[in-house]
Amino acid sequence: MLKKLLFGCFAFAVLSFMILHRPAWKLNDFDQGFYLTIAYDLDKQGVFSNGPFAKVDSTVARPPPGMFFGPVYPALVLAAMKLDGRFAAAVRCSVEADRGHRDEASCEAYALPMRLLNA
């Protein structure tokens, strides 16, 4: 059992090292925008929405609840937002830029908590 635990810790350390040494990317690259928008809605509006597929701009109004995506990864993103204020600010900026309320160039490409979650 101890060998398995040590191997798991070693694998996590190697994955974390490799992921963290890749170039930074914007938070709304690939499919991250979906999960970030759901976490943003949970944080700001208190509702688990369908993210970018909601018919309402959640930066200005409360979206209807939805279950298009599973709640696990958005809940982890929300937890990371609660633990890391810098990450929370980056998520808010990214979602608001995606909705056209900010310039995306002004958003910090800070994804350390997400990269560790991915590891």
PDB file of N, CA and C in Angstrom:
ATOM      1  N   MET A   1       0.827  -1.199   0.000  1.00  0.00           N
ATOM      2  CA  MET A   1       0.000   0.000   0.000  1.00  0.00           C
ATOM      3  C   MET A   1       0.871   1.263   0.000  1.00  0.00           C
ATOM      4  N   LEU A   2       1.950   1.228   0.760  1.00  0.00           N
ATOM      5  CA  LEU A   2       2.853   2.383   0.829  1.00  0.00           C
ATOM      6  C   LEU A   2       3.511   2.630  -0.528  1.00  0.00           C
ATOM      7  N   LYS A   3       3.858   1.551  -1.243  1.00  0.00           N
ATOM      8  CA  LYS A   3       4.465   1.695  -2.569  1.00  0.00           C
ATOM      9  C   LYS A   3       3.494   2.384  -3.532  1.00  0.00           C
ATOM     10  N   LYS A   4       2.219   2.002  -3.471  1.00  0.00           N
ATOM     11  CA  LYS A   4       1.214   2.608  -4.349  1.00  0.00           C
ATOM     12  C   LYS A   4       1.030   4.083  -4.023  1.00  0.00           C
ATOM     13  N   LEU A   5       1.015   4.408  -2.757  1.00  0.00           N
ATOM     14  CA  LEU A   5       0.879   5.798  -2.340  1.00  0.00           C
ATOM     15  C   LEU A   5       2.082   6.628  -2.801  1.00  0.00           C
ATOM     16  N   LEU A   6       3.274   6.107  -2.618  1.00  0.00           N
ATOM     17  CA  LEU A   6       4.483   6.807  -3.058  1.00  0.00           C
ATOM     18  C   LEU A   6       4.515   6.955  -4.582  1.00  0.00           C
ATOM     19  N   PHE A   7       4.106   5.903  -5.281  1.00  0.00           N
ATOM     20  CA  PHE A   7       4.057   5.990  -6.740  1.00  0.00           C
ATOM     21  C   PHE A   7       3.048   7.045  -7.189  1.00  0.00           C
ATOM     22  N   GLY A   8       1.879   7.082  -6.547  1.00  0.00           N
ATOM     23  CA  GLY A   8       0.874   8.097  -6.865  1.00  0.00           C
ATOM     24  C   GLY A   8       1.388   9.507  -6.620  1.00  0.00           C
ATOM     25  N   CYS A   9       2.078   9.712  -5.507  1.00  0.00           N
ATOM     26  CA  CYS A   9       2.659  11.033  -5.207  1.00  0.00           C
ATOM     27  C   CYS A   9       3.732  11.400  -6.231  1.00  0.00           C
ATOM     28  N   PHE A  10       4.551  10.417  -6.610  1.00  0.00           N
ATOM     29  CA  PHE A  10       5.582  10.659  -7.615  1.00  0.00           C
ATOM     30  C   PHE A  10       4.953  11.017  -8.967  1.00  0.00           C
ATOM     31  N   ALA A  11       3.931  10.278  -9.358  1.00  0.00           N
ATOM     32  CA  ALA A  11       3.258  10.548 -10.635  1.00  0.00           C
ATOM     33  C   ALA A  11       2.628  11.942 -10.626  1.00  0.00           C
ATOM     34  N   PHE A  12       1.989  12.317  -9.520  1.00  0.00           N
ATOM     35  CA  PHE A  12       1.402  13.654  -9.414  1.00  0.00           C
ATOM     36  C   PHE A  12       2.483  14.722  -9.510  1.00  0.00           C
ATOM     37  N   ALA A  13       3.602  14.511  -8.852  1.00  0.00           N
ATOM     38  CA  ALA A  13       4.692  15.494  -8.899  1.00  0.00           C
ATOM     39  C   ALA A  13       5.235  15.643 -10.320  1.00  0.00           C
ATOM     40  N   VAL A  14       5.430  14.537 -11.018  1.00  0.00           N
ATOM     41  CA  VAL A  14       5.940  14.592 -12.394  1.00  0.00           C
ATOM     42  C   VAL A  14       4.936  15.294 -13.306  1.00  0.00           C
ATOM     43  N   LEU A  15       3.657  14.924 -13.205  1.00  0.00           N
ATOM     44  CA  LEU A  15       2.631  15.566 -14.030  1.00  0.00           C
ATOM     45  C   LEU A  15       2.541  17.060 -13.726  1.00  0.00           C
ATOM     46  N   SER A  16       2.556  17.402 -12.448  1.00  0.00           N
ATOM     47  CA  SER A  16       2.490  18.820 -12.065  1.00  0.00           C
ATOM     48  C   SER A  16       3.671  19.587 -12.642  1.00  0.00           C
ATOM     49  N   PHE A  17       4.861  19.031 -12.511  1.00  0.00           N
ATOM     50  CA  PHE A  17       6.060  19.693 -13.038  1.00  0.00           C
ATOM     51  C   PHE A  17       5.947  19.904 -14.542  1.00  0.00           C
ATOM     52  N   MET A  18       5.500  18.888 -15.252  1.00  0.00           N
ATOM     53  CA  MET A  18       5.408  18.984 -16.709  1.00  0.00           C
ATOM     54  C   MET A  18       4.318  19.975 -17.131  1.00  0.00           C
ATOM     55  N   ILE A  19       3.187  19.942 -16.459  1.00  0.00           N
ATOM     56  CA  ILE A  19       2.089  20.840 -16.809  1.00  0.00           C
ATOM     57  C   ILE A  19       2.441  22.291 -16.485  1.00  0.00           C
ATOM     58  N   LEU A  20       3.081  22.511 -15.355  1.00  0.00           N
ATOM     59  CA  LEU A  20       3.393  23.877 -14.936  1.00  0.00           C
ATOM     60  C   LEU A  20       4.501  24.523 -15.763  1.00  0.00           C
ATOM     61  N   HIS A  21       5.283  23.732 -16.449  1.00  0.00           N
ATOM     62  CA  HIS A  21       6.361  24.289 -17.261  1.00  0.00           C
ATOM     63  C   HIS A  21       5.986  24.472 -18.730  1.00  0.00           C
ATOM     64  N   ARG A  22       4.722  24.321 -19.029  1.00  0.00           N
ATOM     65  CA  ARG A  22       4.248  24.617 -20.382  1.00  0.00           C
ATOM     66  C   ARG A  22       3.911  26.100 -20.450  1.00  0.00           C
ATOM     67  N   PRO A  23       3.888  26.690 -21.625  1.00  0.00           N
ATOM     68  CA  PRO A  23       3.559  28.119 -21.733  1.00  0.00           C
ATOM     69  C   PRO A  23       2.138  28.405 -21.234  1.00  0.00           C
ATOM     70  N   ALA A  24       1.967  29.597 -20.691  1.00  0.00           N
ATOM     71  CA  ALA A  24       0.647  30.006 -20.185  1.00  0.00           C
ATOM     72  C   ALA A  24      -0.321  30.185 -21.347  1.00  0.00           C
ATOM     73  N   TRP A  25      -1.608  29.878 -21.106  1.00  0.00           N
ATOM     74  CA  TRP A  25      -2.650  30.070 -22.105  1.00  0.00           C
ATOM     75  C   TRP A  25      -3.806  30.784 -21.447  1.00  0.00           C
ATOM     76  N   LYS A  26      -4.590  31.417 -22.266  1.00  0.00           N
ATOM     77  CA  LYS A  26      -5.760  32.145 -21.762  1.00  0.00           C
ATOM     78  C   LYS A  26      -6.747  31.156 -21.162  1.00  0.00           C
ATOM     79  N   LEU A  27      -7.524  31.627 -20.220  1.00  0.00           N
ATOM     80  CA  LEU A  27      -8.459  30.736 -19.527  1.00  0.00           C
ATOM     81  C   LEU A  27      -9.622  30.279 -20.394  1.00  0.00           C
ATOM     82  N   ASN A  28      -9.929  30.998 -21.457  1.00  0.00           N
ATOM     83  CA  ASN A  28     -11.060  30.565 -22.285  1.00  0.00           C
ATOM     84  C   ASN A  28     -10.616  29.787 -23.520  1.00  0.00           C
ATOM     85  N   ASP A  29      -9.377  29.319 -23.537  1.00  0.00           N
ATOM     86  CA  ASP A  29      -8.920  28.451 -24.622  1.00  0.00           C
ATOM     87  C   ASP A  29      -9.557  27.071 -24.488  1.00  0.00           C
ATOM     88  N   PHE A  30      -9.719  26.428 -25.603  1.00  0.00           N
ATOM     89  CA  PHE A  30     -10.258  25.072 -25.673  1.00  0.00           C
ATOM     90  C   PHE A  30     -11.657  25.035 -25.053  1.00  0.00           C
ATOM     91  N   ASP A  31     -11.929  24.099 -24.165  1.00  0.00           N
ATOM     92  CA  ASP A  31     -13.263  23.980 -23.575  1.00  0.00           C
ATOM     93  C   ASP A  31     -13.356  24.602 -22.184  1.00  0.00           C
ATOM     94  N   GLN A  32     -12.305  25.273 -21.742  1.00  0.00           N
ATOM     95  CA  GLN A  32     -12.308  25.830 -20.391  1.00  0.00           C
ATOM     96  C   GLN A  32     -13.390  26.887 -20.187  1.00  0.00           C
ATOM     97  N   GLY A  33     -13.749  27.592 -21.238  1.00  0.00           N
ATOM     98  CA  GLY A  33     -14.776  28.622 -21.122  1.00  0.00           C
ATOM     99  C   GLY A  33     -16.104  28.084 -20.611  1.00  0.00           C
ATOM    100  N   PHE A  34     -16.435  26.863 -20.986  1.00  0.00           N
ATOM    101  CA  PHE A  34     -17.679  26.253 -20.517  1.00  0.00           C
ATOM    102  C   PHE A  34     -17.668  26.106 -18.996  1.00  0.00           C
ATOM    103  N   TYR A  35     -16.602  25.510 -18.502  1.00  0.00           N
ATOM    104  CA  TYR A  35     -16.516  25.236 -17.070  1.00  0.00           C
ATOM    105  C   TYR A  35     -16.326  26.516 -16.262  1.00  0.00           C
ATOM    106  N   LEU A  36     -15.556  27.448 -16.807  1.00  0.00           N
ATOM    107  CA  LEU A  36     -15.346  28.707 -16.102  1.00  0.00           C
ATOM    108  C   LEU A  36     -16.638  29.500 -15.978  1.00  0.00           C
ATOM    109  N   THR A  37     -17.445  29.487 -17.026  1.00  0.00           N
ATOM    110  CA  THR A  37     -18.711  30.217 -16.983  1.00  0.00           C
ATOM    111  C   THR A  37     -19.649  29.610 -15.947  1.00  0.00           C
ATOM    112  N   ILE A  38     -19.680  28.302 -15.858  1.00  0.00           N
ATOM    113  CA  ILE A  38     -20.520  27.651 -14.847  1.00  0.00           C
ATOM    114  C   ILE A  38     -20.026  28.001 -13.448  1.00  0.00           C
ATOM    115  N   ALA A  39     -18.707  27.940 -13.232  1.00  0.00           N
ATOM    116  CA  ALA A  39     -18.154  28.299 -11.926  1.00  0.00           C
ATOM    117  C   ALA A  39     -18.407  29.775 -11.620  1.00  0.00           C
ATOM    118  N   TYR A  40     -18.300  30.626 -12.624  1.00  0.00           N
ATOM    119  CA  TYR A  40     -18.590  32.054 -12.460  1.00  0.00           C
ATOM    120  C   TYR A  40     -20.044  32.257 -12.034  1.00  0.00           C
ATOM    121  N   ASP A  41     -20.958  31.552 -12.691  1.00  0.00           N
ATOM    122  CA  ASP A  41     -22.380  31.659 -12.338  1.00  0.00           C
ATOM    123  C   ASP A  41     -22.639  31.157 -10.926  1.00  0.00           C
ATOM    124  N   LEU A  42     -21.957  30.087 -10.529  1.00  0.00           N
ATOM    125  CA  LEU A  42     -22.096  29.597  -9.161  1.00  0.00           C
ATOM    126  C   LEU A  42     -21.596  30.629  -8.155  1.00  0.00           C
ATOM    127  N   ASP A  43     -20.478  31.257  -8.486  1.00  0.00           N
ATOM    128  CA  ASP A  43     -19.883  32.237  -7.577  1.00  0.00           C
ATOM    129  C   ASP A  43     -20.697  33.527  -7.521  1.00  0.00           C
ATOM    130  N   LYS A  44     -21.020  34.075  -8.665  1.00  0.00           N
ATOM    131  CA  LYS A  44     -21.679  35.388  -8.714  1.00  0.00           C
ATOM    132  C   LYS A  44     -23.190  35.305  -8.519  1.00  0.00           C
ATOM    133  N   GLN A  45     -23.831  34.347  -9.155  1.00  0.00           N
ATOM    134  CA  GLN A  45     -25.290  34.282  -9.158  1.00  0.00           C
ATOM    135  C   GLN A  45     -25.853  33.205  -8.227  1.00  0.00           C
ATOM    136  N   GLY A  46     -24.995  32.277  -7.772  1.00  0.00           N
ATOM    137  CA  GLY A  46     -25.459  31.217  -6.889  1.00  0.00           C
ATOM    138  C   GLY A  46     -26.293  30.162  -7.580  1.00  0.00           C
ATOM    139  N   VAL A  47     -26.098  29.995  -8.873  1.00  0.00           N
ATOM    140  CA  VAL A  47     -26.895  29.022  -9.627  1.00  0.00           C
ATOM    141  C   VAL A  47     -25.966  28.184 -10.514  1.00  0.00           C
ATOM    142  N   PHE A  48     -26.262  26.882 -10.570  1.00  0.00           N
ATOM    143  CA  PHE A  48     -25.543  25.992 -11.479  1.00  0.00           C
ATOM    144  C   PHE A  48     -26.250  26.070 -12.819  1.00  0.00           C
ATOM    145  N   SER A  49     -25.642  26.782 -13.751  1.00  0.00           N
ATOM    146  CA  SER A  49     -26.289  27.058 -15.036  1.00  0.00           C
ATOM    147  C   SER A  49     -25.759  26.145 -16.132  1.00  0.00           C
ATOM    148  N   ASN A  50     -26.210  26.408 -17.345  1.00  0.00           N
ATOM    149  CA  ASN A  50     -25.673  25.719 -18.513  1.00  0.00           C
ATOM    150  C   ASN A  50     -24.508  26.488 -19.121  1.00  0.00           C
ATOM    151  N   GLY A  51     -23.947  27.406 -18.355  1.00  0.00           N
ATOM    152  CA  GLY A  51     -22.776  28.144 -18.795  1.00  0.00           C
ATOM    153  C   GLY A  51     -23.049  29.015 -19.999  1.00  0.00           C
ATOM    154  N   PRO A  52     -22.205  28.923 -21.015  1.00  0.00           N
ATOM    155  CA  PRO A  52     -22.379  29.771 -22.190  1.00  0.00           C
ATOM    156  C   PRO A  52     -23.618  29.436 -23.014  1.00  0.00           C
ATOM    157  N   PHE A  53     -24.262  28.304 -22.744  1.00  0.00           N
ATOM    158  CA  PHE A  53     -25.463  27.936 -23.482  1.00  0.00           C
ATOM    159  C   PHE A  53     -26.738  28.481 -22.855  1.00  0.00           C
ATOM    160  N   ALA A  54     -26.610  29.146 -21.710  1.00  0.00           N
ATOM    161  CA  ALA A  54     -27.781  29.772 -21.090  1.00  0.00           C
ATOM    162  C   ALA A  54     -28.240  30.926 -21.979  1.00  0.00           C
ATOM    163  N   LYS A  55     -29.512  31.178 -22.010  1.00  0.00           N
ATOM    164  CA  LYS A  55     -30.066  32.218 -22.883  1.00  0.00           C
ATOM    165  C   LYS A  55     -29.867  33.620 -22.316  1.00  0.00           C
ATOM    166  N   VAL A  56     -29.292  33.723 -21.117  1.00  0.00           N
ATOM    167  CA  VAL A  56     -29.109  34.997 -20.425  1.00  0.00           C
ATOM    168  C   VAL A  56     -27.622  35.271 -20.268  1.00  0.00           C
ATOM    169  N   ASP A  57     -27.230  36.529 -20.415  1.00  0.00           N
ATOM    170  CA  ASP A  57     -25.855  36.941 -20.146  1.00  0.00           C
ATOM    171  C   ASP A  57     -25.684  36.983 -18.626  1.00  0.00           C
ATOM    172  N   SER A  58     -24.988  36.003 -18.091  1.00  0.00           N
ATOM    173  CA  SER A  58     -24.888  35.866 -16.636  1.00  0.00           C
ATOM    174  C   SER A  58     -24.024  36.930 -15.978  1.00  0.00           C
ATOM    175  N   THR A  59     -23.362  37.769 -16.762  1.00  0.00           N
ATOM    176  CA  THR A  59     -22.606  38.862 -16.156  1.00  0.00           C
ATOM    177  C   THR A  59     -23.525  39.997 -15.741  1.00  0.00           C
ATOM    178  N   VAL A  60     -24.747  40.027 -16.283  1.00  0.00           N
ATOM    179  CA  VAL A  60     -25.681  41.105 -15.954  1.00  0.00           C
ATOM    180  C   VAL A  60     -26.992  40.605 -15.358  1.00  0.00           C
ATOM    181  N   ALA A  61     -27.335  39.330 -15.527  1.00  0.00           N
ATOM    182  CA  ALA A  61     -28.594  38.798 -15.007  1.00  0.00           C
ATOM    183  C   ALA A  61     -28.396  37.354 -14.556  1.00  0.00           C
ATOM    184  N   ARG A  62     -29.282  36.893 -13.708  1.00  0.00           N
ATOM    185  CA  ARG A  62     -29.197  35.528 -13.200  1.00  0.00           C
ATOM    186  C   ARG A  62     -29.695  34.539 -14.262  1.00  0.00           C
ATOM    187  N   PRO A  63     -28.832  33.572 -14.636  1.00  0.00           N
ATOM    188  CA  PRO A  63     -29.256  32.584 -15.633  1.00  0.00           C
ATOM    189  C   PRO A  63     -30.167  31.534 -14.996  1.00  0.00           C
ATOM    190  N   PRO A  64     -30.951  30.845 -15.817  1.00  0.00           N
ATOM    191  CA  PRO A  64     -31.768  29.759 -15.263  1.00  0.00           C
ATOM    192  C   PRO A  64     -30.884  28.574 -14.890  1.00  0.00           C
ATOM    193  N   PRO A  65     -31.313  27.775 -13.925  1.00  0.00           N
ATOM    194  CA  PRO A  65     -30.520  26.592 -13.573  1.00  0.00           C
ATOM    195  C   PRO A  65     -30.507  25.592 -14.724  1.00  0.00           C
ATOM    196  N   GLY A  66     -29.460  24.810 -14.785  1.00  0.00           N
ATOM    197  CA  GLY A  66     -29.340  23.814 -15.833  1.00  0.00           C
ATOM    198  C   GLY A  66     -28.422  22.688 -15.410  1.00  0.00           C
ATOM    199  N   MET A  67     -28.449  21.615 -16.144  1.00  0.00           N
ATOM    200  CA  MET A  67     -27.582  20.469 -15.857  1.00  0.00           C
ATOM    201  C   MET A  67     -27.001  19.901 -17.147  1.00  0.00           C
ATOM    202  N   PHE A  68     -26.632  20.784 -18.061  1.00  0.00           N
ATOM    203  CA  PHE A  68     -26.048  20.336 -19.319  1.00  0.00           C
ATOM    204  C   PHE A  68     -24.689  19.698 -19.071  1.00  0.00           C
ATOM    205  N   PHE A  69     -23.920  20.264 -18.146  1.00  0.00           N
ATOM    206  CA  PHE A  69     -22.599  19.745 -17.795  1.00  0.00           C
ATOM    207  C   PHE A  69     -22.659  19.121 -16.407  1.00  0.00           C
ATOM    208  N   GLY A  70     -21.809  18.144 -16.155  1.00  0.00           N
ATOM    209  CA  GLY A  70     -21.723  17.555 -14.826  1.00  0.00           C
ATOM    210  C   GLY A  70     -21.136  18.546 -13.836  1.00  0.00           C
ATOM    211  N   PRO A  71     -21.519  18.460 -12.587  1.00  0.00           N
ATOM    212  CA  PRO A  71     -21.140  19.480 -11.609  1.00  0.00           C
ATOM    213  C   PRO A  71     -19.750  19.324 -10.999  1.00  0.00           C
ATOM    214  N   VAL A  72     -19.041  18.255 -11.261  1.00  0.00           N
ATOM    215  CA  VAL A  72     -17.793  18.004 -10.538  1.00  0.00           C
ATOM    216  C   VAL A  72     -16.697  19.000 -10.905  1.00  0.00           C
ATOM    217  N   TYR A  73     -16.333  19.110 -12.156  1.00  0.00           N
ATOM    218  CA  TYR A  73     -15.224  19.993 -12.530  1.00  0.00           C
ATOM    219  C   TYR A  73     -15.552  21.466 -12.268  1.00  0.00           C
ATOM    220  N   PRO A  74     -16.746  21.957 -12.607  1.00  0.00           N
ATOM    221  CA  PRO A  74     -17.064  23.346 -12.252  1.00  0.00           C
ATOM    222  C   PRO A  74     -17.015  23.592 -10.745  1.00  0.00           C
ATOM    223  N   ALA A  75     -17.393  22.609  -9.953  1.00  0.00           N
ATOM    224  CA  ALA A  75     -17.311  22.763  -8.496  1.00  0.00           C
ATOM    225  C   ALA A  75     -15.856  22.841  -8.040  1.00  0.00           C
ATOM    226  N   LEU A  76     -14.978  22.089  -8.679  1.00  0.00           N
ATOM    227  CA  LEU A  76     -13.550  22.173  -8.360  1.00  0.00           C
ATOM    228  C   LEU A  76     -12.984  23.538  -8.762  1.00  0.00           C
ATOM    229  N   VAL A  77     -13.410  24.044  -9.903  1.00  0.00           N
ATOM    230  CA  VAL A  77     -12.974  25.375 -10.332  1.00  0.00           C
ATOM    231  C   VAL A  77     -13.459  26.429  -9.341  1.00  0.00           C
ATOM    232  N   LEU A  78     -14.712  26.309  -8.892  1.00  0.00           N
ATOM    233  CA  LEU A  78     -15.247  27.237  -7.896  1.00  0.00           C
ATOM    234  C   LEU A  78     -14.447  27.163  -6.600  1.00  0.00           C
ATOM    235  N   ALA A  79     -14.105  25.961  -6.160  1.00  0.00           N
ATOM    236  CA  ALA A  79     -13.291  25.809  -4.949  1.00  0.00           C
ATOM    237  C   ALA A  79     -11.932  26.482  -5.119  1.00  0.00           C
ATOM    238  N   ALA A  80     -11.332  26.322  -6.293  1.00  0.00           N
ATOM    239  CA  ALA A  80     -10.054  26.978  -6.559  1.00  0.00           C
ATOM    240  C   ALA A  80     -10.214  28.501  -6.563  1.00  0.00           C
ATOM    241  N   MET A  81     -11.347  28.984  -7.059  1.00  0.00           N
ATOM    242  CA  MET A  81     -11.613  30.428  -7.038  1.00  0.00           C
ATOM    243  C   MET A  81     -11.716  30.938  -5.599  1.00  0.00           C
ATOM    244  N   LYS A  82     -12.345  30.152  -4.738  1.00  0.00           N
ATOM    245  CA  LYS A  82     -12.497  30.553  -3.339  1.00  0.00           C
ATOM    246  C   LYS A  82     -11.162  30.547  -2.604  1.00  0.00           C
ATOM    247  N   LEU A  83     -10.258  29.651  -3.001  1.00  0.00           N
ATOM    248  CA  LEU A  83      -8.964  29.540  -2.332  1.00  0.00           C
ATOM    249  C   LEU A  83      -7.920  30.504  -2.858  1.00  0.00           C
ATOM    250  N   ASP A  84      -8.029  30.880  -4.117  1.00  0.00           N
ATOM    251  CA  ASP A  84      -7.010  31.721  -4.759  1.00  0.00           C
ATOM    252  C   ASP A  84      -7.672  32.946  -5.383  1.00  0.00           C
ATOM    253  N   GLY A  85      -7.530  34.089  -4.734  1.00  0.00           N
ATOM    254  CA  GLY A  85      -8.142  35.325  -5.214  1.00  0.00           C
ATOM    255  C   GLY A  85      -7.638  35.756  -6.582  1.00  0.00           C
ATOM    256  N   ARG A  86      -6.370  35.514  -6.852  1.00  0.00           N
ATOM    257  CA  ARG A  86      -5.801  35.874  -8.155  1.00  0.00           C
ATOM    258  C   ARG A  86      -6.456  35.065  -9.270  1.00  0.00           C
ATOM    259  N   PHE A  87      -6.677  33.782  -9.003  1.00  0.00           N
ATOM    260  CA  PHE A  87      -7.355  32.925  -9.974  1.00  0.00           C
ATOM    261  C   PHE A  87      -8.805  33.367 -10.155  1.00  0.00           C
ATOM    262  N   ALA A  88      -9.473  33.714  -9.063  1.00  0.00           N
ATOM    263  CA  ALA A  88     -10.859  34.183  -9.145  1.00  0.00           C
ATOM    264  C   ALA A  88     -10.963  35.432 -10.010  1.00  0.00           C
ATOM    265  N   ALA A  89     -10.024  36.362  -9.840  1.00  0.00           N
ATOM    266  CA  ALA A  89     -10.024  37.582 -10.656  1.00  0.00           C
ATOM    267  C   ALA A  89      -9.783  37.252 -12.126  1.00  0.00           C
ATOM    268  N   ALA A  90      -8.902  36.296 -12.388  1.00  0.00           N
ATOM    269  CA  ALA A  90      -8.636  35.888 -13.776  1.00  0.00           C
ATOM    270  C   ALA A  90      -9.866  35.241 -14.400  1.00  0.00           C
ATOM    271  N   VAL A  91     -10.585  34.429 -13.630  1.00  0.00           N
ATOM    272  CA  VAL A  91     -11.805  33.778 -14.135  1.00  0.00           C
ATOM    273  C   VAL A  91     -12.865  34.830 -14.434  1.00  0.00           C
ATOM    274  N   ARG A  92     -13.084  35.752 -13.496  1.00  0.00           N
ATOM    275  CA  ARG A  92     -14.091  36.798 -13.712  1.00  0.00           C
ATOM    276  C   ARG A  92     -13.769  37.609 -14.966  1.00  0.00           C
ATOM    277  N   CYS A  93     -12.511  37.991 -15.107  1.00  0.00           N
ATOM    278  CA  CYS A  93     -12.100  38.774 -16.270  1.00  0.00           C
ATOM    279  C   CYS A  93     -12.309  37.979 -17.559  1.00  0.00           C
ATOM    280  N   SER A  94     -11.954  36.709 -17.545  1.00  0.00           N
ATOM    281  CA  SER A  94     -12.078  35.882 -18.737  1.00  0.00           C
ATOM    282  C   SER A  94     -13.534  35.705 -19.164  1.00  0.00           C
ATOM    283  N   VAL A  95     -14.412  35.442 -18.199  1.00  0.00           N
ATOM    284  CA  VAL A  95     -15.833  35.253 -18.522  1.00  0.00           C
ATOM    285  C   VAL A  95     -16.440  36.566 -19.012  1.00  0.00           C
ATOM    286  N   GLU A  96     -16.104  37.668 -18.347  1.00  0.00           N
ATOM    287  CA  GLU A  96     -16.644  38.956 -18.764  1.00  0.00           C
ATOM    288  C   GLU A  96     -16.102  39.365 -20.134  1.00  0.00           C
ATOM    289  N   ALA A  97     -14.863  39.007 -20.434  1.00  0.00           N
ATOM    290  CA  ALA A  97     -14.309  39.288 -21.764  1.00  0.00           C
ATOM    291  C   ALA A  97     -14.999  38.430 -22.824  1.00  0.00           C
ATOM    292  N   ASP A  98     -15.290  37.178 -22.475  1.00  0.00           N
ATOM    293  CA  ASP A  98     -15.985  36.295 -23.404  1.00  0.00           C
ATOM    294  C   ASP A  98     -17.384  36.811 -23.725  1.00  0.00           C
ATOM    295  N   ARG A  99     -18.014  37.476 -22.776  1.00  0.00           N
ATOM    296  CA  ARG A  99     -19.355  38.042 -22.969  1.00  0.00           C
ATOM    297  C   ARG A  99     -19.322  39.451 -23.552  1.00  0.00           C
ATOM    298  N   GLY A 100     -18.124  39.973 -23.839  1.00  0.00           N
ATOM    299  CA  GLY A 100     -18.001  41.272 -24.496  1.00  0.00           C
ATOM    300  C   GLY A 100     -18.025  42.470 -23.565  1.00  0.00           C
ATOM    301  N   HIS A 101     -17.818  42.248 -22.260  1.00  0.00           N
ATOM    302  CA  HIS A 101     -17.841  43.360 -21.305  1.00  0.00           C
ATOM    303  C   HIS A 101     -16.454  43.863 -20.943  1.00  0.00           C
ATOM    304  N   ARG A 102     -15.422  43.185 -21.385  1.00  0.00           N
ATOM    305  CA  ARG A 102     -14.031  43.574 -21.138  1.00  0.00           C
ATOM    306  C   ARG A 102     -13.198  43.220 -22.353  1.00  0.00           C
ATOM    307  N   ASP A 103     -11.993  43.771 -22.372  1.00  0.00           N
ATOM    308  CA  ASP A 103     -11.026  43.416 -23.399  1.00  0.00           C
ATOM    309  C   ASP A 103     -10.230  42.213 -22.898  1.00  0.00           C
ATOM    310  N   GLU A 104     -10.185  41.170 -23.684  1.00  0.00           N
ATOM    311  CA  GLU A 104      -9.486  39.955 -23.261  1.00  0.00           C
ATOM    312  C   GLU A 104      -7.995  40.197 -23.037  1.00  0.00           C
ATOM    313  N   ALA A 105      -7.430  41.153 -23.717  1.00  0.00           N
ATOM    314  CA  ALA A 105      -6.005  41.449 -23.547  1.00  0.00           C
ATOM    315  C   ALA A 105      -5.696  41.947 -22.140  1.00  0.00           C
ATOM    316  N   SER A 106      -6.706  42.467 -21.441  1.00  0.00           N
ATOM    317  CA  SER A 106      -6.485  42.958 -20.082  1.00  0.00           C
ATOM    318  C   SER A 106      -6.551  41.845 -19.043  1.00  0.00           C
ATOM    319  N   CYS A 107      -6.919  40.644 -19.452  1.00  0.00           N
ATOM    320  CA  CYS A 107      -7.051  39.526 -18.520  1.00  0.00           C
ATOM    321  C   CYS A 107      -5.717  38.813 -18.341  1.00  0.00           C
ATOM    322  N   GLU A 108      -5.437  38.474 -17.100  1.00  0.00           N
ATOM    323  CA  GLU A 108      -4.211  37.737 -16.801  1.00  0.00           C
ATOM    324  C   GLU A 108      -4.389  36.269 -17.178  1.00  0.00           C
ATOM    325  N   ALA A 109      -3.375  35.693 -17.759  1.00  0.00           N
ATOM    326  CA  ALA A 109      -3.403  34.274 -18.132  1.00  0.00           C
ATOM    327  C   ALA A 109      -2.865  33.456 -16.961  1.00  0.00           C
ATOM    328  N   TYR A 110      -3.621  33.444 -15.873  1.00  0.00           N
ATOM    329  CA  TYR A 110      -3.211  32.739 -14.653  1.00  0.00           C
ATOM    330  C   TYR A 110      -4.074  31.494 -14.499  1.00  0.00           C
ATOM    331  N   ALA A 111      -3.493  30.348 -14.731  1.00  0.00           N
ATOM    332  CA  ALA A 111      -4.251  29.099 -14.704  1.00  0.00           C
ATOM    333  C   ALA A 111      -3.611  28.064 -13.789  1.00  0.00           C
ATOM    334  N   LEU A 112      -2.778  28.489 -12.851  1.00  0.00           N
ATOM    335  CA  LEU A 112      -2.073  27.549 -11.980  1.00  0.00           C
ATOM    336  C   LEU A 112      -3.030  26.578 -11.271  1.00  0.00           C
ATOM    337  N   PRO A 113      -4.110  27.034 -10.630  1.00  0.00           N
ATOM    338  CA  PRO A 113      -4.990  26.071  -9.968  1.00  0.00           C
ATOM    339  C   PRO A 113      -5.621  25.064 -10.936  1.00  0.00           C
ATOM    340  N   MET A 114      -5.992  25.509 -12.126  1.00  0.00           N
ATOM    341  CA  MET A 114      -6.578  24.589 -13.104  1.00  0.00           C
ATOM    342  C   MET A 114      -5.539  23.584 -13.597  1.00  0.00           C
ATOM    343  N   ARG A 115      -4.340  24.038 -13.765  1.00  0.00           N
ATOM    344  CA  ARG A 115      -3.296  23.120 -14.208  1.00  0.00           C
ATOM    345  C   ARG A 115      -3.030  22.055 -13.160  1.00  0.00           C
ATOM    346  N   LEU A 116      -3.049  22.450 -11.889  1.00  0.00           N
ATOM    347  CA  LEU A 116      -2.871  21.454 -10.833  1.00  0.00           C
ATOM    348  C   LEU A 116      -4.070  20.508 -10.760  1.00  0.00           C
ATOM    349  N   LEU A 117      -5.274  21.027 -10.978  1.00  0.00           N
ATOM    350  CA  LEU A 117      -6.455  20.156 -11.027  1.00  0.00           C
ATOM    351  C   LEU A 117      -6.340  19.160 -12.179  1.00  0.00           C
ATOM    352  N   ASN A 118      -5.839  19.619 -13.293  1.00  0.00           N
ATOM    353  CA  ASN A 118      -5.680  18.731 -14.442  1.00  0.00           C
ATOM    354  C   ASN A 118      -4.619  17.660 -14.174  1.00  0.00           C
ATOM    355  N   ALA A 119      -3.628  18.012 -13.394  1.00  0.00           N
ATOM    356  CA  ALA A 119      -2.599  17.012 -13.046  1.00  0.00           C
ATOM    357  C   ALA A 119      -3.223  15.926 -12.206  1.00  0.00           C
TER     358      ALA A 119
END
